[in-house]
């Protein structure tokens, strides 16, 4: 995806200087200072803020990134036109606009989706009310076309990605994808969980999350017991889909694989595996897959 031409004439008329001609100059990410990255390990970020001055390329990057991560995009201008017509451009109104943008994004995340907010978000106060997010700062131009915004804009102290004038939007979207949806590394230390998961429930999730906390990444191995009796109604791919949905916040840190109907696990002399039981709190331990299956059964079949 190619960046649209910047309105250099508008900048010149206002006495402003653009760093480069974004229509002909590719755009790349600048290396971040050690204290600037806010990415929490490999945990997926589903609330993404693309911020920067007007004309920096926020919307272009949002449109390139959204299909890669199946994200909803909230463009600030569109939200103003449809939902926030009562707001102007004072700092107070910008804070309220940021709060509304953040609230809408939080609802998408709560529903299990991924969302990109594409707007200037010019000050620390606006970023604070928008809320915690994976933040991409487009630092591609020195000034935008609105003098009041230029005066108000404060460079962020914290961000996850800082983008400078070089590199295409599509290239950059791929770099963001690698950070937002990291790939599972089969050579890293990995915890193994074996089970039927008929169905996968909150107790299983808590167990695997504890494994993630202790080891860093996990392999969830699903025994092929589908149809062997009434306790095993779900085929592998139905189980896999439920596991991946429940663990979506840990994308890149787990993999789900099928296993034969393993009933015994043996090993010889010490081969370096740590085999242990994880004991969770009493309420979690009491979760019953049998009860969940009963509640999920078709009417008349209980």
Foldseek 3Di string as FASTA:
>chain_A
DAFDWFPVVLCVVVVHDWPDGLRPFAKFWDDDDPPAADQDAQFAFQEEEEAAAPRLCLVVLCVLQCVVQVAAEDELVVCCVPPVVVADPDPVSLLVSLLVQLVVQVVQVVVLHGYYYRYHLFDPSSVVSSHDGQYEYRPATQHGSDPVSNVRGDDDPHHNIYMYSHRGSNVVSVVVCCRNAPAADPPAFEAEAEDQPLPPDPLNLVQVVVRCVVRPAYEYEHEQCDPVDPSHPDGPVVRVVVVCSSRVSNRRRYYYYYDYRDDDDDDDPDPPDDDDDDDDDPVSVPDDSVVVSVVVDDPPPD
